[in-house]
Amino acid sequence: MPDSQPQPPDGATADTTALLLYGARLTDGRTVDVRLSGGRIEAVGTAGSLTPAPRCTRVDLNGYLLLPAPAEPHAHGDTALTADNPGPVSYAVEDVQRRATEAALLQLGHGATALRSHVRIGDVQGLGPIEAVLQARRSLRGLAELTAVAVPRLLTGIAGADGLAILRDAVKMGAAVVGGCPDADPDPSGFTEAVLEVAAEHGCPVDLHTHGEDPARLARLAAMAGGLRPGVTIGPCAGLARLPREVASRAADQLAAAGVAVVCLPQGGCAGVEQRGTPPVRLLRAAGVRVAAGSGALRDVTNPVGRGDPLEAAYLLASQNGLRAPEAYAAAAGAAREAMGLPEVRVEAGFPAELLAVRGERIAGVLSLAYSRIVVHRGRVVARTSAVREYCDSAAAVALELPRQGRPDPAP
């Protein structure tokens, strides 16, 4: 079951208006026009070759690179934006809903049209945070796809019985993914087994927090997860980087054979996983593991800063982990969408119209200077960020033709 579930058409989500994106640059260097209709890419042609359909809105993408939209596979909307809270964090439904909505809109503005939010359940909060994130999901319909992952604290022992009951209740409420942190349970393998059992009962994906520092535990997880559909994801697995290379390589082979995806968090950590850093991304990829990039905590007690920007995650993978820029962007886009069970996106006819236009010419450039952006979800422009970079009058600025984000020249 993918994160994005079919939704009934209504005034908030159904958009039959055609959209023509003209003058866009693709990663292969071509300049094209792209016509969107019914939430999909209808046609891609050379610049100037596509005629607008009736009632077609035109968007000028001259100077922009057009890319498949990124996705956010690992957010924490229930705790986001609480770092500067003067007192205890409120988990009232309306407060969590406001935070989750604001965080999702922030990440949508960066380009993430689909988000998977890990939400803690149980303890004193009960099911309130899940209820709040599901309400945020409904309020965001037509703008972005927000999915809730139910994250119980304990699933084994006496306390685990309550955790299992509340986990099943969360799925019945609408949580589309089940997860948690096995490392925090007295019986990590028992926790994982319980989560996989609930997932199999309901046909849900699994998304687990783990350091990944125990190779025996990873081997057991891979053995239990092998063949489970619709899929298992783990992260951030920073502990894998601390293992001897041959041990980490063996673990990577086991994860790849089981079809387990790994979500790394180049921008920081997240609640429940204290270790920072990234796993050995190149080693995992070489073994055939699907590696995606997420944001993790966003301005909460775990990480008091952060932009929740998938292009920043890609930039860090390229600058610190040795990935080529296209590979790094794919981790935040195609691999993230695949880990979330979402359809593939290409800038080709017939694919979903989930797109991001960034001012620039090549991926390496936009990962460095990604200021102005236009975000398309289900064939409709849902967010714009326009930045202006100006220099004072200077012969150097003119002579060097310094790169800039600029306003269009006024009409004569």
Protein backbone atom coordinates (compact mmCIF):
# COMPACT_ATOMS: atom_id res chain seq x y z
CA MET A 1 0.00 0.00 0.00
CA PRO A 2 1.71 3.25 -1.04
CA ASP A 3 1.73 6.30 1.19
CA SER A 4 -0.46 8.18 -1.26
CA GLN A 5 -3.88 6.58 -1.21
CA PRO A 6 -6.57 7.24 -3.87
CA GLN A 7 -8.74 10.19 -2.91
CA PRO A 8 -12.23 11.01 -4.16
CA PRO A 9 -12.31 13.96 -6.53
CA ASP A 10 -13.68 17.11 -5.00
CA GLY A 11 -13.30 20.83 -5.41
CA ALA A 12 -10.11 20.85 -3.40
CA THR A 13 -8.27 18.14 -5.30
CA ALA A 14 -9.70 17.72 -8.78
CA ASP A 15 -8.06 20.14 -11.22
CA THR A 16 -8.99 19.79 -14.86
CA THR A 17 -7.27 23.02 -15.97
CA ALA A 18 -4.40 22.44 -18.37
CA LEU A 19 -1.01 23.98 -17.61
CA LEU A 20 1.70 24.77 -20.15
CA LEU A 21 5.23 25.10 -18.81
CA TYR A 22 7.26 26.70 -21.57
CA GLY A 23 10.97 27.28 -22.07
CA ALA A 24 12.07 24.83 -19.37
CA ARG A 25 15.54 23.31 -19.38
CA LEU A 26 15.91 19.56 -18.77
CA THR A 27 18.88 17.79 -17.23
CA ASP A 28 19.97 16.55 -20.67
CA GLY A 29 20.34 20.15 -21.86
CA ARG A 30 17.19 20.34 -23.99
CA THR A 31 14.83 23.31 -23.75
CA VAL A 32 11.23 22.15 -23.92
CA ASP A 33 7.60 22.95 -23.41
CA VAL A 34 5.62 20.66 -21.10
CA ARG A 35 1.82 20.46 -21.13
CA LEU A 36 0.04 19.11 -18.05
CA SER A 37 -3.56 17.96 -17.79
CA GLY A 38 -5.56 15.82 -15.39
CA GLY A 39 -2.69 15.60 -12.92
CA ARG A 40 -0.30 14.05 -15.46
CA ILE A 41 2.22 15.14 -18.07
CA GLU A 42 0.30 15.17 -21.33
CA ALA A 43 3.07 16.14 -23.75
CA VAL A 44 6.71 17.22 -23.90
CA GLY A 45 7.96 18.99 -27.02
CA THR A 46 10.71 21.26 -28.25
CA ALA A 47 10.40 24.87 -27.16
CA GLY A 48 7.57 26.60 -28.99
CA SER A 49 6.11 23.38 -30.43
CA LEU A 50 3.17 22.88 -28.04
CA THR A 51 0.06 24.96 -28.47
CA PRO A 52 -1.89 25.86 -25.33
CA ALA A 53 -5.16 24.00 -24.85
CA PRO A 54 -8.36 25.97 -24.19
CA ARG A 55 -8.34 27.47 -20.68
CA CYS A 56 -4.66 26.61 -20.44
CA THR A 57 -2.51 28.55 -17.97
CA ARG A 58 0.98 29.39 -19.19
CA VAL A 59 4.01 29.47 -16.90
CA ASP A 60 7.30 30.88 -18.17
CA LEU A 61 10.21 28.65 -17.10
CA ASN A 62 12.96 30.35 -19.05
CA GLY A 63 16.06 30.14 -16.88
CA TYR A 64 14.68 27.25 -14.83
CA LEU A 65 15.73 23.61 -14.61
CA LEU A 66 12.70 21.30 -14.54
CA LEU A 67 13.00 18.22 -12.33
CA PRO A 68 10.82 15.48 -10.87
CA ALA A 69 9.59 16.80 -7.54
CA PRO A 70 11.39 15.56 -4.43
CA ALA A 71 9.58 13.84 -1.56
CA GLU A 72 10.15 13.85 2.19
CA PRO A 73 10.42 10.26 3.50
CA HIS A 74 11.29 11.07 7.12
CA ALA A 75 9.67 14.07 8.83
CA HIS A 76 8.46 14.63 12.41
CA GLY A 77 5.50 16.95 12.02
CA ASP A 78 4.19 16.43 15.56
CA THR A 79 7.32 17.90 17.17
CA ALA A 80 8.41 20.30 14.39
CA LEU A 81 8.97 23.99 15.13
CA THR A 82 9.01 23.59 18.92
CA ALA A 83 12.68 24.39 19.65
CA ASP A 84 11.93 27.94 20.79
CA ASN A 85 8.94 26.98 22.91
CA PRO A 86 9.27 28.84 26.25
CA GLY A 87 7.55 26.08 28.24
CA PRO A 88 6.45 22.47 27.87
CA VAL A 89 5.46 21.48 24.34
CA SER A 90 1.69 21.25 23.91
CA TYR A 91 0.34 18.06 22.38
CA ALA A 92 -3.22 19.33 22.17
CA VAL A 93 -4.71 18.19 18.88
CA GLU A 94 -5.10 21.72 17.52
CA ASP A 95 -1.47 22.61 18.36
CA VAL A 96 -0.03 19.48 16.76
CA GLN A 97 -2.21 20.00 13.70
CA ARG A 98 -0.96 23.57 13.34
CA ARG A 99 2.69 22.50 13.65
CA ALA A 100 2.33 19.58 11.26
CA THR A 101 0.56 21.77 8.70
CA GLU A 102 3.08 24.60 8.96
CA ALA A 103 6.02 22.21 8.66
CA ALA A 104 4.47 20.46 5.64
CA LEU A 105 3.86 23.80 3.90
CA LEU A 106 7.45 24.85 4.62
CA GLN A 107 8.74 21.67 3.00
CA LEU A 108 6.25 21.97 0.14
CA GLY A 109 7.69 25.40 -0.61
CA HIS A 110 11.08 23.72 -0.99
CA GLY A 111 9.59 21.24 -3.47
CA ALA A 112 8.45 18.17 -1.48
CA THR A 113 4.98 17.34 -2.78
CA ALA A 114 4.71 14.15 -0.69
CA LEU A 115 5.71 13.78 2.96
CA ARG A 116 5.88 10.88 5.41
CA SER A 117 5.61 12.09 9.02
CA HIS A 118 6.61 9.84 11.93
CA VAL A 119 4.19 10.46 14.82
CA ARG A 120 4.67 9.23 18.38
CA ILE A 121 1.69 7.53 19.97
CA GLY A 122 0.94 6.13 23.42
CA ASP A 123 2.11 7.42 26.79
CA VAL A 124 0.15 10.47 27.94
CA GLN A 125 -0.54 11.70 24.40
CA GLY A 126 -2.41 8.56 23.38
CA LEU A 127 -3.72 8.82 19.82
CA GLY A 128 -4.05 12.61 19.85
CA PRO A 129 -0.93 13.31 17.72
CA ILE A 130 -2.04 10.84 15.03
CA GLU A 131 -5.50 12.40 14.98
CA ALA A 132 -3.89 15.83 14.57
CA VAL A 133 -1.59 14.78 11.71
CA LEU A 134 -4.49 13.09 9.92
CA GLN A 135 -6.44 16.33 10.23
CA ALA A 136 -3.45 18.17 8.78
CA ARG A 137 -3.42 15.64 5.94
CA ARG A 138 -7.02 16.49 5.12
CA SER A 139 -6.40 20.24 5.26
CA LEU A 140 -3.44 19.88 2.88
CA ARG A 141 -5.39 17.92 0.27
CA GLY A 142 -4.68 19.35 -3.16
CA LEU A 143 -1.44 20.96 -1.98
CA ALA A 144 0.64 18.00 -0.82
CA GLU A 145 0.28 14.35 0.20
CA LEU A 146 0.96 13.92 3.91
CA THR A 147 1.15 10.43 5.41
CA ALA A 148 1.30 9.46 9.08
CA VAL A 149 3.59 6.74 10.46
CA ALA A 150 2.40 5.39 13.82
CA VAL A 151 5.39 5.23 16.19
CA PRO A 152 4.75 3.39 19.49
CA ARG A 153 7.32 3.45 22.30
CA LEU A 154 7.25 -0.18 23.50
CA LEU A 155 5.80 -3.33 21.97
CA THR A 156 7.18 -6.12 24.16
CA GLY A 157 6.68 -7.14 27.78
CA ILE A 158 3.77 -6.01 29.94
CA ALA A 159 3.87 -2.43 28.67
CA GLY A 160 4.07 -3.71 25.11
CA ALA A 161 0.51 -5.06 25.20
CA ASP A 162 -0.81 -1.50 25.48
CA GLY A 163 1.56 -0.40 22.75
CA LEU A 164 0.31 -3.09 20.37
CA ALA A 165 -3.30 -2.18 21.05
CA ILE A 166 -2.74 1.51 20.41
CA LEU A 167 -0.71 0.72 17.28
CA ARG A 168 -3.60 -1.26 15.83
CA ASP A 169 -6.00 1.56 16.78
CA ALA A 170 -3.76 4.08 14.99
CA VAL A 171 -3.87 2.02 11.78
CA LYS A 172 -7.66 1.81 12.02
CA MET A 173 -7.76 5.62 12.39
CA GLY A 174 -5.84 6.09 9.16
CA ALA A 175 -2.11 5.78 9.85
CA ALA A 176 -0.84 4.35 6.56
CA VAL A 177 2.56 3.16 7.85
CA VAL A 178 3.69 1.43 11.06
CA GLY A 179 7.05 2.05 12.66
CA GLY A 180 8.90 2.76 15.87
CA CYS A 181 12.37 2.50 17.36
CA PRO A 182 13.38 -1.11 18.09
CA ASP A 183 16.62 0.09 19.72
CA ALA A 184 14.58 1.70 22.55
CA ASP A 185 12.66 -1.50 23.40
CA PRO A 186 14.13 -4.03 25.86
CA ASP A 187 13.64 -6.66 23.15
CA PRO A 188 14.55 -5.04 19.78
CA SER A 189 13.94 -8.20 17.75
CA GLY A 190 10.60 -8.74 19.49
CA PHE A 191 9.63 -5.14 18.71
CA THR A 192 10.50 -5.59 15.04
CA GLU A 193 8.59 -8.85 14.87
CA ALA A 194 5.51 -7.21 16.42
CA VAL A 195 5.61 -4.31 13.94
CA LEU A 196 5.97 -6.65 10.98
CA GLU A 197 3.05 -8.72 12.27
CA VAL A 198 0.77 -5.66 12.48
CA ALA A 199 1.96 -4.56 9.03
CA ALA A 200 1.14 -7.96 7.56
CA GLU A 201 -2.32 -7.89 9.17
CA HIS A 202 -3.20 -4.54 7.61
CA GLY A 203 -1.09 -4.55 4.43
CA CYS A 204 0.92 -1.54 5.63
CA PRO A 205 4.49 -0.50 4.85
CA VAL A 206 6.99 -0.52 7.73
CA ASP A 207 9.36 2.33 8.59
CA LEU A 208 11.69 1.82 11.58
CA HIS A 209 14.14 4.11 13.38
CA THR A 210 17.44 2.40 14.11
CA HIS A 211 21.10 3.31 14.65
CA GLY A 212 22.12 0.33 12.53
CA GLU A 213 25.18 -0.26 14.70
CA ASP A 214 24.39 -3.89 15.58
CA PRO A 215 25.08 -6.16 12.56
CA ALA A 216 23.38 -9.18 14.17
CA ARG A 217 20.23 -7.14 14.76
CA LEU A 218 20.29 -5.90 11.16
CA ALA A 219 20.69 -9.47 9.93
CA ARG A 220 17.64 -10.56 11.94
CA LEU A 221 15.64 -7.61 10.65
CA ALA A 222 16.58 -8.43 7.06
CA ALA A 223 15.62 -12.08 7.57
CA MET A 224 12.22 -11.13 9.02
CA ALA A 225 11.54 -8.40 6.46
CA GLY A 226 12.50 -10.33 3.35
CA GLY A 227 9.57 -10.58 0.99
CA LEU A 228 7.22 -8.42 3.08
CA ARG A 229 5.05 -6.29 0.86
CA PRO A 230 4.48 -3.40 0.43
CA GLY A 231 7.95 -2.87 1.85
CA VAL A 232 10.27 -2.08 4.75
CA THR A 233 12.33 1.07 5.30
CA ILE A 234 14.86 1.76 8.05
CA GLY A 235 16.88 4.81 9.01
CA PRO A 236 18.89 6.83 9.69
CA CYS A 237 21.43 3.99 10.26
CA ALA A 238 24.34 6.31 11.07
CA GLY A 239 25.86 3.49 13.14
CA LEU A 240 26.63 1.55 9.97
CA ALA A 241 29.41 4.04 9.24
CA ARG A 242 31.12 3.07 12.51
CA LEU A 243 31.31 -0.63 11.68
CA PRO A 244 34.37 -2.23 10.02
CA ARG A 245 33.95 -2.02 6.28
CA GLU A 246 33.62 -5.76 5.73
CA VAL A 247 30.93 -5.98 8.44
CA ALA A 248 29.03 -3.03 7.00
CA SER A 249 29.34 -4.53 3.51
CA ARG A 250 27.85 -7.83 4.71
CA ALA A 251 24.96 -5.97 6.35
CA ALA A 252 24.39 -3.99 3.15
CA ASP A 253 24.21 -7.20 1.12
CA GLN A 254 21.62 -8.61 3.55
CA LEU A 255 19.49 -5.46 3.40
CA ALA A 256 19.66 -5.41 -0.38
CA ALA A 257 18.65 -9.07 -0.65
CA ALA A 258 15.66 -8.42 1.62
CA GLY A 259 14.60 -5.32 -0.34
CA VAL A 260 14.95 -3.06 2.71
CA ALA A 261 15.36 0.64 1.87
CA VAL A 262 17.50 2.99 3.96
CA VAL A 263 16.61 6.63 4.60
CA CYS A 264 19.58 8.74 5.69
CA LEU A 265 19.31 12.16 7.33
CA PRO A 266 22.16 14.38 6.09
CA GLN A 267 20.67 17.52 7.71
CA GLY A 268 20.54 16.18 11.28
CA GLY A 269 19.08 13.56 13.58
CA CYS A 270 15.62 12.86 14.90
CA ALA A 271 13.84 11.99 18.11
CA GLY A 272 14.66 8.52 19.41
CA VAL A 273 17.93 8.24 17.47
CA GLU A 274 20.75 10.08 19.19
CA GLN A 275 23.56 9.31 16.76
CA ARG A 276 24.18 11.91 14.08
CA GLY A 277 25.76 11.49 10.68
CA THR A 278 25.00 9.39 7.65
CA PRO A 279 25.52 5.72 6.87
CA PRO A 280 28.10 4.67 4.24
CA VAL A 281 25.86 5.75 1.37
CA ARG A 282 28.17 4.69 -1.46
CA LEU A 283 28.72 1.26 0.07
CA LEU A 284 24.96 0.73 0.47
CA ARG A 285 24.27 1.84 -3.09
CA ALA A 286 27.02 -0.41 -4.44
CA ALA A 287 25.35 -3.36 -2.70
CA GLY A 288 22.04 -2.53 -4.35
CA VAL A 289 20.31 -0.94 -1.36
CA ARG A 290 17.80 1.77 -2.24
CA VAL A 291 19.07 4.85 -0.35
CA ALA A 292 16.78 7.85 0.09
CA ALA A 293 17.41 11.16 1.86
CA GLY A 294 15.11 12.78 4.41
CA SER A 295 15.14 15.77 6.74
CA GLY A 296 14.50 14.26 10.17
CA ALA A 297 13.83 16.63 13.05
CA LEU A 298 12.92 20.19 12.10
CA ARG A 299 13.63 22.83 14.74
CA ASP A 300 12.72 20.77 17.75
CA VAL A 301 14.64 19.74 20.86
CA THR A 302 16.54 17.09 18.86
CA ASN A 303 17.65 19.53 16.16
CA PRO A 304 17.01 23.21 16.97
CA VAL A 305 17.79 24.34 13.42
CA GLY A 306 16.89 23.10 9.97
CA ARG A 307 15.14 24.03 6.77
CA GLY A 308 13.55 20.72 5.86
CA ASP A 309 14.88 21.26 2.35
CA PRO A 310 15.36 18.17 0.15
CA LEU A 311 17.81 20.07 -2.05
CA GLU A 312 19.95 20.76 0.99
CA ALA A 313 19.89 17.04 1.81
CA ALA A 314 21.04 16.34 -1.74
CA TYR A 315 23.71 19.03 -1.51
CA LEU A 316 25.11 17.43 1.66
CA LEU A 317 25.15 13.98 0.07
CA ALA A 318 27.12 15.40 -2.84
CA SER A 319 29.52 17.54 -0.80
CA GLN A 320 30.15 15.19 2.12
CA ASN A 321 29.36 11.69 0.88
CA GLY A 322 30.93 11.77 -2.56
CA LEU A 323 27.79 11.25 -4.65
CA ARG A 324 27.56 12.91 -8.03
CA ALA A 325 24.98 15.70 -8.05
CA PRO A 326 22.38 13.76 -10.12
CA GLU A 327 22.73 10.74 -7.79
CA ALA A 328 22.35 12.96 -4.74
CA TYR A 329 19.22 14.60 -6.12
CA ALA A 330 17.78 11.20 -7.01
CA ALA A 331 18.12 10.18 -3.34
CA ALA A 332 15.84 13.06 -2.37
CA ALA A 333 13.47 12.57 -5.31
CA GLY A 334 13.14 9.26 -7.15
CA ALA A 335 14.55 7.06 -4.38
CA ALA A 336 12.47 8.85 -1.75
CA ARG A 337 9.30 8.39 -3.77
CA GLU A 338 10.13 4.72 -4.36
CA ALA A 339 10.77 4.13 -0.65
CA MET A 340 7.35 5.66 0.03
CA GLY A 341 5.65 3.43 -2.54
CA LEU A 342 4.78 6.37 -4.81
CA PRO A 343 4.70 6.25 -8.62
CA GLU A 344 7.86 7.08 -10.53
CA VAL A 345 8.10 10.60 -11.95
CA ARG A 346 9.93 11.53 -15.13
CA VAL A 347 9.58 14.62 -17.28
CA GLU A 348 7.95 12.53 -19.98
CA ALA A 349 4.41 12.14 -21.29
CA GLY A 350 2.21 9.89 -19.16
CA PHE A 351 4.01 10.38 -15.85
CA PRO A 352 2.50 12.12 -12.79
CA ALA A 353 2.75 15.90 -12.89
CA GLU A 354 4.82 16.17 -9.69
CA LEU A 355 7.51 18.66 -10.68
CA LEU A 356 9.96 21.19 -9.33
CA ALA A 357 11.38 24.05 -11.37
CA VAL A 358 14.53 25.64 -9.92
CA ARG A 359 16.29 28.66 -11.36
CA GLY A 360 19.55 27.37 -12.81
CA GLU A 361 21.03 25.32 -15.64
CA ARG A 362 22.40 22.11 -14.11
CA ILE A 363 21.71 20.02 -11.03
CA ALA A 364 25.06 20.83 -9.40
CA GLY A 365 24.30 24.52 -9.76
CA VAL A 366 20.78 24.38 -8.37
CA LEU A 367 21.94 22.32 -5.38
CA SER A 368 24.31 25.18 -4.59
CA LEU A 369 22.09 28.19 -5.39
CA ALA A 370 18.51 26.91 -5.29
CA TYR A 371 16.71 30.11 -4.41
CA SER A 372 13.80 30.60 -6.83
CA ARG A 373 11.49 27.60 -7.13
CA ILE A 374 8.11 26.70 -8.63
CA VAL A 375 6.39 23.59 -7.27
CA VAL A 376 3.78 21.59 -9.21
CA HIS A 377 1.53 19.01 -7.53
CA ARG A 378 -1.07 17.04 -9.47
CA GLY A 379 -0.60 19.33 -12.46
CA ARG A 380 -1.12 22.60 -10.57
CA VAL A 381 1.32 25.23 -9.33
CA VAL A 382 1.01 25.00 -5.54
CA ALA A 383 4.00 27.01 -4.32
CA ARG A 384 6.41 29.66 -5.55
CA THR A 385 9.55 31.06 -4.01
CA SER A 386 11.01 34.09 -5.77
CA ALA A 387 14.38 35.42 -4.67
CA VAL A 388 16.13 38.53 -5.93
CA ARG A 389 19.87 38.95 -5.74
CA GLU A 390 21.17 42.42 -6.51
CA TYR A 391 24.59 44.07 -6.40
CA CYS A 392 25.36 47.73 -5.99
CA ASP A 393 26.63 49.52 -9.07
CA SER A 394 30.04 48.00 -9.69
CA ALA A 395 32.27 47.51 -12.70
CA ALA A 396 33.27 44.10 -11.30
CA ALA A 397 29.68 42.90 -11.12
CA VAL A 398 29.09 43.88 -14.73
CA ALA A 399 32.39 42.61 -16.09
CA LEU A 400 32.20 39.21 -14.37
CA GLU A 401 28.50 38.67 -15.10
CA LEU A 402 28.08 37.31 -11.59
CA PRO A 403 25.31 34.71 -11.18
CA ARG A 404 22.16 36.20 -9.75
CA GLN A 405 18.55 35.59 -9.07
CA GLY A 406 16.77 38.46 -10.75
CA ARG A 407 13.45 40.05 -11.46
CA PRO A 408 12.31 39.87 -15.08
CA ASP A 409 13.30 42.94 -17.03
CA PRO A 410 10.40 45.42 -17.07
CA ALA A 411 8.56 45.70 -20.34
CA PRO A 412 9.69 48.72 -22.39
